[in-house]
Protein backbone atom coordinates (compact mmCIF):
# COMPACT_ATOMS: atom_id res chain seq x y z
CA UNK A 1 242.71 226.52 81.84
CA UNK A 2 246.62 224.97 80.94
CA UNK A 3 248.98 226.18 78.71
CA UNK A 4 251.64 223.31 77.47
CA UNK A 5 255.00 223.52 75.82
CA UNK A 6 255.29 221.02 72.73
CA UNK A 7 258.07 220.65 70.05
CA UNK A 8 255.54 222.07 67.18
CA UNK A 9 253.49 224.90 66.90
CA UNK A 10 250.98 222.91 65.57
CA UNK A 11 249.00 224.17 62.77
CA UNK A 12 246.03 222.34 63.52
CA UNK A 13 244.84 219.72 66.11
CA UNK A 14 242.27 217.00 66.23
CA UNK A 15 241.18 215.24 69.47
CA UNK A 16 241.09 211.39 68.56
CA UNK A 17 237.46 209.85 68.69
CA UNK A 18 237.81 208.16 71.92
CA UNK A 19 238.72 211.23 73.61
CA UNK A 20 242.27 210.07 75.25
CA UNK A 21 244.73 211.38 72.65
CA UNK A 22 245.30 214.83 70.72
CA UNK A 23 246.66 214.91 67.50
CA UNK A 24 248.95 217.56 66.25
CA UNK A 25 250.74 218.55 63.01
CA UNK A 26 253.51 221.18 62.49
CA UNK A 27 256.78 221.70 60.74
CA UNK A 28 259.89 223.19 62.09
CA UNK A 29 260.55 226.80 61.91
CA UNK A 30 263.67 225.85 59.59
CA UNK A 31 261.46 224.05 56.93
CA UNK A 32 258.33 226.10 57.04
CA UNK A 33 257.06 225.96 53.53
CA UNK A 34 254.62 228.20 52.96
CA UNK A 35 251.18 227.70 54.83
CA UNK A 36 250.89 231.22 54.92
CA UNK A 37 250.58 231.35 50.86
CA UNK A 38 246.67 231.02 51.15
CA UNK A 39 246.50 234.28 52.86
CA UNK A 40 244.06 233.31 55.65
CA UNK A 41 245.77 230.86 57.98
CA UNK A 42 248.87 231.19 59.75
CA UNK A 43 252.16 229.46 59.15
CA UNK A 44 253.25 226.35 61.22
CA UNK A 45 256.29 226.04 62.68
CA UNK A 46 258.29 224.35 65.67
CA UNK A 47 261.45 224.96 67.51
CA UNK A 48 263.58 223.40 65.19
CA UNK A 49 263.73 219.64 66.17
CA UNK A 50 263.20 217.70 63.34
CA UNK A 51 261.58 214.53 62.81
CA UNK A 52 263.29 211.67 61.93
CA UNK A 53 260.58 209.96 60.78
CA UNK A 54 259.56 212.62 58.23
CA UNK A 55 263.44 213.81 57.28
CA UNK A 56 261.53 217.00 56.67
CA UNK A 57 261.01 218.71 60.27
CA UNK A 58 257.55 217.68 60.19
CA UNK A 59 255.78 215.89 62.55
CA UNK A 60 252.15 214.14 63.80
CA UNK A 61 252.30 214.20 67.81
CA UNK A 62 249.87 212.11 69.69
CA UNK A 63 249.66 213.78 72.68
CA UNK A 64 248.02 212.78 76.14
CA UNK A 65 244.69 214.55 76.02
CA UNK A 66 244.66 214.77 79.82
CA UNK A 67 248.30 216.03 79.97
CA UNK A 68 249.31 217.55 76.52
CA UNK A 69 252.86 218.06 77.82
CA UNK A 70 253.32 214.11 77.48
CA UNK A 71 254.22 213.39 73.85
CA UNK A 72 253.14 209.12 73.39
CA UNK A 73 254.31 209.19 69.87
CA UNK A 74 255.98 211.02 67.30
CA UNK A 75 255.09 210.10 63.47
CA UNK A 76 255.45 210.92 59.90
CA UNK A 77 253.25 213.34 58.66
CA UNK A 78 254.44 214.06 55.23
CA UNK A 79 256.65 217.41 54.43
CA UNK A 80 253.94 220.06 54.69
CA UNK A 81 251.23 219.26 57.01
CA UNK A 82 248.20 221.34 57.12
CA UNK A 83 245.10 219.96 58.55
CA UNK A 84 244.60 216.30 60.28
CA UNK A 85 241.29 214.27 60.97
CA UNK A 86 240.92 210.61 62.35
CA UNK A 87 239.45 207.62 60.91
CA UNK A 88 236.38 206.67 63.06
CA UNK A 89 238.17 204.32 65.24
CA UNK A 90 241.10 206.15 65.58
CA UNK A 91 243.69 203.92 64.06
CA UNK A 92 244.44 206.19 60.84
CA UNK A 93 245.33 210.00 60.50
CA UNK A 94 244.68 211.82 57.36
CA UNK A 95 246.41 215.13 56.85
CA UNK A 96 246.73 217.57 54.10
CA UNK A 97 250.12 218.20 52.79
CA UNK A 98 249.60 221.37 51.25
CA UNK A 99 252.88 222.12 49.25
CA UNK A 100 253.00 218.70 48.01
CA UNK A 101 249.37 218.57 47.05
CA UNK A 102 248.44 215.45 48.43
CA UNK A 103 247.01 213.77 51.71
CA UNK A 104 249.14 211.60 53.49
CA UNK A 105 247.25 208.46 55.42
CA UNK A 106 249.25 207.44 58.31
CA UNK A 107 248.47 204.19 60.40
CA UNK A 108 248.84 205.13 64.00
CA UNK A 109 249.67 201.40 65.03
CA UNK A 110 251.87 200.79 62.24
CA UNK A 111 253.64 204.47 62.94
CA UNK A 112 254.15 204.97 59.12
CA UNK A 113 252.51 206.63 56.39
CA UNK A 114 250.67 203.76 54.24
CA UNK A 115 249.42 206.00 51.33
CA UNK A 116 249.95 209.39 49.50
CA UNK A 117 246.79 210.66 47.76
CA UNK A 118 247.19 213.15 44.76
CA UNK A 119 244.75 215.85 45.33
CA UNK A 120 244.27 219.45 43.85
CA UNK A 121 246.46 222.52 44.20
CA UNK A 122 247.39 223.56 47.63
CA UNK A 123 244.84 221.09 50.12
CA UNK A 124 244.35 222.25 53.32
CA UNK A 125 240.93 221.65 55.41
CA UNK A 126 239.36 218.33 55.32
CA UNK A 127 236.53 216.84 56.68
CA UNK A 128 235.69 213.00 56.95
CA UNK A 129 232.02 211.89 56.21
CA UNK A 130 229.73 211.00 58.89
CA UNK A 131 229.47 207.18 57.60
CA UNK A 132 233.27 207.31 57.32
CA UNK A 133 233.45 206.51 53.78
CA UNK A 134 234.77 209.79 52.18
CA UNK A 135 236.80 212.75 53.22
CA UNK A 136 236.27 215.88 51.31
CA UNK A 137 239.24 218.40 50.89
CA UNK A 138 239.17 221.99 50.37
CA UNK A 139 242.24 222.76 47.52
CA UNK A 140 243.15 226.41 47.78
CA UNK A 141 244.49 227.42 45.06
CA UNK A 142 242.87 225.01 42.59
CA UNK A 143 239.12 226.15 43.60
CA UNK A 144 238.04 222.91 43.80
CA UNK A 145 237.65 220.08 46.51
CA UNK A 146 238.81 216.45 46.32
CA UNK A 147 236.68 213.79 47.29
CA UNK A 148 238.86 210.71 48.75
CA UNK A 149 237.54 207.07 48.96
CA UNK A 150 238.64 205.64 52.08
CA UNK A 151 238.35 202.24 51.45
CA UNK A 152 240.53 202.26 48.36
CA UNK A 153 242.31 205.69 49.19
CA UNK A 154 242.20 207.53 46.11
CA UNK A 155 240.65 210.49 44.81
CA UNK A 156 237.35 209.41 43.62
CA UNK A 157 236.15 213.07 42.15
CA UNK A 158 236.91 216.68 42.21
CA UNK A 159 234.81 219.21 42.28
CA UNK A 160 234.77 222.80 41.21
CA UNK A 161 233.45 225.36 43.81
CA UNK A 162 234.67 228.79 43.68
CA UNK A 163 237.65 231.06 44.70
CA UNK A 164 240.18 229.84 47.71
CA UNK A 165 238.12 227.03 49.21
CA UNK A 166 240.05 226.79 52.76
CA UNK A 167 237.51 224.66 54.69
CA UNK A 168 234.90 222.10 54.44
CA UNK A 169 232.18 220.96 56.75
CA UNK A 170 229.25 218.08 56.72
CA UNK A 171 226.16 218.49 58.07
CA UNK A 172 225.55 215.74 60.47
CA UNK A 173 223.04 213.45 58.11
CA UNK A 174 225.95 213.90 55.71
CA UNK A 175 223.67 215.31 53.15
CA UNK A 176 225.49 218.38 52.27
CA UNK A 177 229.05 219.68 52.36
CA UNK A 178 229.73 223.36 53.50
CA UNK A 179 232.58 225.14 51.72
CA UNK A 180 234.20 228.41 52.89
CA UNK A 181 235.20 230.54 49.73
CA UNK A 182 237.58 232.73 51.05
CA UNK A 183 238.14 235.39 48.00
CA UNK A 184 234.25 235.20 47.35
CA UNK A 185 232.94 235.95 50.77
CA UNK A 186 230.78 232.67 50.16
CA UNK A 187 229.91 229.63 51.30
CA UNK A 188 229.35 226.88 48.57
CA UNK A 189 226.98 224.03 49.38
CA UNK A 190 227.70 220.84 48.04
CA UNK A 191 225.03 218.18 47.59
CA UNK A 192 226.86 214.52 48.27
CA UNK A 193 224.59 212.27 46.21
CA UNK A 194 225.41 214.31 43.26
CA UNK A 195 228.40 215.87 44.06
CA UNK A 196 227.57 219.21 42.40
CA UNK A 197 227.28 222.59 43.93
CA UNK A 198 223.62 223.53 44.68
CA UNK A 199 223.94 227.00 46.21
CA UNK A 200 226.48 229.76 47.38
CA UNK A 201 225.70 231.63 50.28
CA UNK A 202 227.36 235.26 51.27
CA UNK A 203 228.75 235.77 54.20
CA UNK A 204 231.48 237.81 56.13
CA UNK A 205 234.65 238.89 54.55
CA UNK A 206 237.41 235.95 54.23
CA UNK A 207 235.50 233.01 55.66
CA UNK A 208 238.03 230.37 57.12
CA UNK A 209 236.49 227.29 59.22
CA UNK A 210 233.02 226.69 59.32
CA UNK A 211 231.52 223.73 61.68
CA UNK A 212 227.97 222.59 62.16
CA UNK A 213 226.20 222.44 65.72
CA UNK A 214 222.80 222.38 67.32
CA UNK A 215 222.07 219.06 65.78
CA UNK A 216 222.97 220.12 62.38
CA UNK A 217 220.36 223.07 62.04
CA UNK A 218 222.89 225.38 61.99
CA UNK A 219 226.30 226.20 60.21
CA UNK A 220 228.61 228.39 61.68
CA UNK A 221 231.43 230.43 59.69
CA UNK A 222 234.25 232.28 60.93
CA UNK A 223 235.06 235.42 59.07
CA UNK A 224 238.43 236.38 59.35
CA UNK A 225 238.79 239.32 57.29
CA UNK A 226 242.66 240.61 56.29
CA UNK A 227 245.51 241.38 58.20
CA UNK A 228 245.16 244.80 57.75
CA UNK A 229 241.54 244.90 58.32
CA UNK A 230 240.31 241.74 60.27
CA UNK A 231 236.99 240.56 60.66
CA UNK A 232 235.45 240.01 63.75
CA UNK A 233 231.96 237.99 62.90
CA UNK A 234 230.75 234.65 62.74
CA UNK A 235 227.84 234.06 59.99
CA UNK A 236 225.33 231.54 61.13
CA UNK A 237 223.49 229.64 58.31
CA UNK A 238 220.12 227.74 58.80
CA UNK A 239 220.96 224.35 57.38
CA UNK A 240 217.31 223.80 56.04
CA UNK A 241 216.60 227.44 54.32
CA UNK A 242 220.36 227.58 53.14
CA UNK A 243 220.42 231.33 54.28
CA UNK A 244 222.47 233.93 56.93
CA UNK A 245 220.07 234.03 59.81
CA UNK A 246 222.25 235.88 62.34
CA UNK A 247 225.82 237.33 62.19
CA UNK A 248 227.68 236.95 65.61
CA UNK A 249 230.46 239.37 66.82
CA UNK A 250 233.11 237.43 68.46
CA UNK A 251 237.04 238.69 68.16
CA UNK A 252 239.25 240.20 65.43
CA UNK A 253 240.74 237.33 63.08
CA UNK A 254 237.85 234.78 63.70
CA UNK A 255 239.32 231.65 62.64
CA UNK A 256 238.79 228.45 63.89
CA UNK A 257 235.39 226.89 64.73
CA UNK A 258 234.28 223.52 66.55
CA UNK A 259 231.01 222.80 68.44
CA UNK A 260 230.52 221.20 72.04
CA UNK A 261 229.55 217.36 71.59
CA UNK A 262 225.82 218.26 72.83
CA UNK A 263 225.86 221.02 70.08
CA UNK A 264 224.84 223.77 72.86
CA UNK A 265 228.12 225.74 72.07
CA UNK A 266 230.34 227.19 69.20
CA UNK A 267 233.75 228.02 70.16
CA UNK A 268 235.60 230.52 67.81
CA UNK A 269 239.51 231.29 67.63
CA UNK A 270 240.27 235.12 66.94
CA UNK A 271 243.69 235.20 65.77
CA UNK A 272 244.01 238.72 66.21
CA UNK A 273 242.69 239.08 69.61
CA UNK A 274 244.47 235.90 70.85
CA UNK A 275 241.34 234.84 72.54
CA UNK A 276 238.65 231.90 72.42
CA UNK A 277 235.03 232.95 72.29
CA UNK A 278 232.21 230.59 73.31
CA UNK A 279 228.85 231.15 71.55
CA UNK A 280 225.78 229.83 72.85
CA UNK A 281 223.77 228.29 70.49
CA UNK A 282 220.40 228.70 71.69
CA UNK A 283 220.65 232.57 71.98
CA UNK A 284 223.23 233.09 69.56
CA UNK A 285 225.50 235.15 72.03
CA UNK A 286 228.90 235.45 73.03
CA UNK A 287 228.80 234.01 76.55
CA UNK A 288 232.64 233.53 77.47
CA UNK A 289 235.97 234.68 76.06
CA UNK A 290 238.80 233.08 76.91
CA UNK A 291 242.06 234.62 76.79
CA UNK A 292 245.02 231.97 74.78
CA UNK A 293 248.72 232.46 73.44
CA UNK A 294 249.22 234.04 70.35
CA UNK A 295 247.71 233.58 67.05
CA UNK A 296 245.51 230.65 68.12
CA UNK A 297 244.41 229.06 64.74
CA UNK A 298 243.03 225.54 64.84
CA UNK A 299 240.80 224.01 67.70
CA UNK A 300 239.09 220.89 68.86
CA UNK A 301 236.57 219.90 71.44
CA UNK A 302 237.14 216.94 74.29
CA UNK A 303 234.27 216.16 76.56
CA UNK A 304 234.96 215.71 79.73
CA UNK A 305 231.73 213.95 80.85
């Protein structure tokens, strides 16, 4: 394991589709706008070096995934970046800007923002559909999910889901989207063909991020709890029965979730324990715990094979 110093403390990170670069978004310490306002995610900050592209102290960093100390590009991100995902070919970055209620679209080759897409209030987590045609965006204080068309770069629809949606996750077949509802201790399930909520599933306290693994048969939901009373569990939802089949104890403040490429492992950031837990998806046991830096938040995965 290696720890690298970079010019931002990233709120979220994303590996590129080819595995060669790492995208990180963050806001300068002097410009931190309010990422803590949703009470489930940490603030984004950096060392105060303002980004000349955006003029707001916010940056999208493109890092060498094999040597993350090496910054390949510093690009505009919008003024208050939260989460970032990439297009299937890696040419575009889609970034939620929570305090300006929009998704910024960055053309990485042109090195500029090419679109600003209005969403609901305080957009936060977002995911691209498996076919790359749509982006689902969780709007924390709007109690909705925005559906963005990646061709027109416009919001196609906005779906009411429940209190404080923080993140979304597609099933691998693209038929359903799971939405963490932090203030309801539950997950809403959207049928993507009808764009309607078809079920709510009760999980642990203050669910934050979630991710499908093990061939798409299971959805893993990190339950963070509160600052004063952190939770340390991950709820495992069977995507066929759409019900919780297991609860895994990880570390305090379970937050970020990602799966290995083969679906064999799930990795969880534990914000209060400063650790990452590895869950074996065949047994639902924690098989390793890795100490990391303070308040680990987002997490991404790169296969080295």
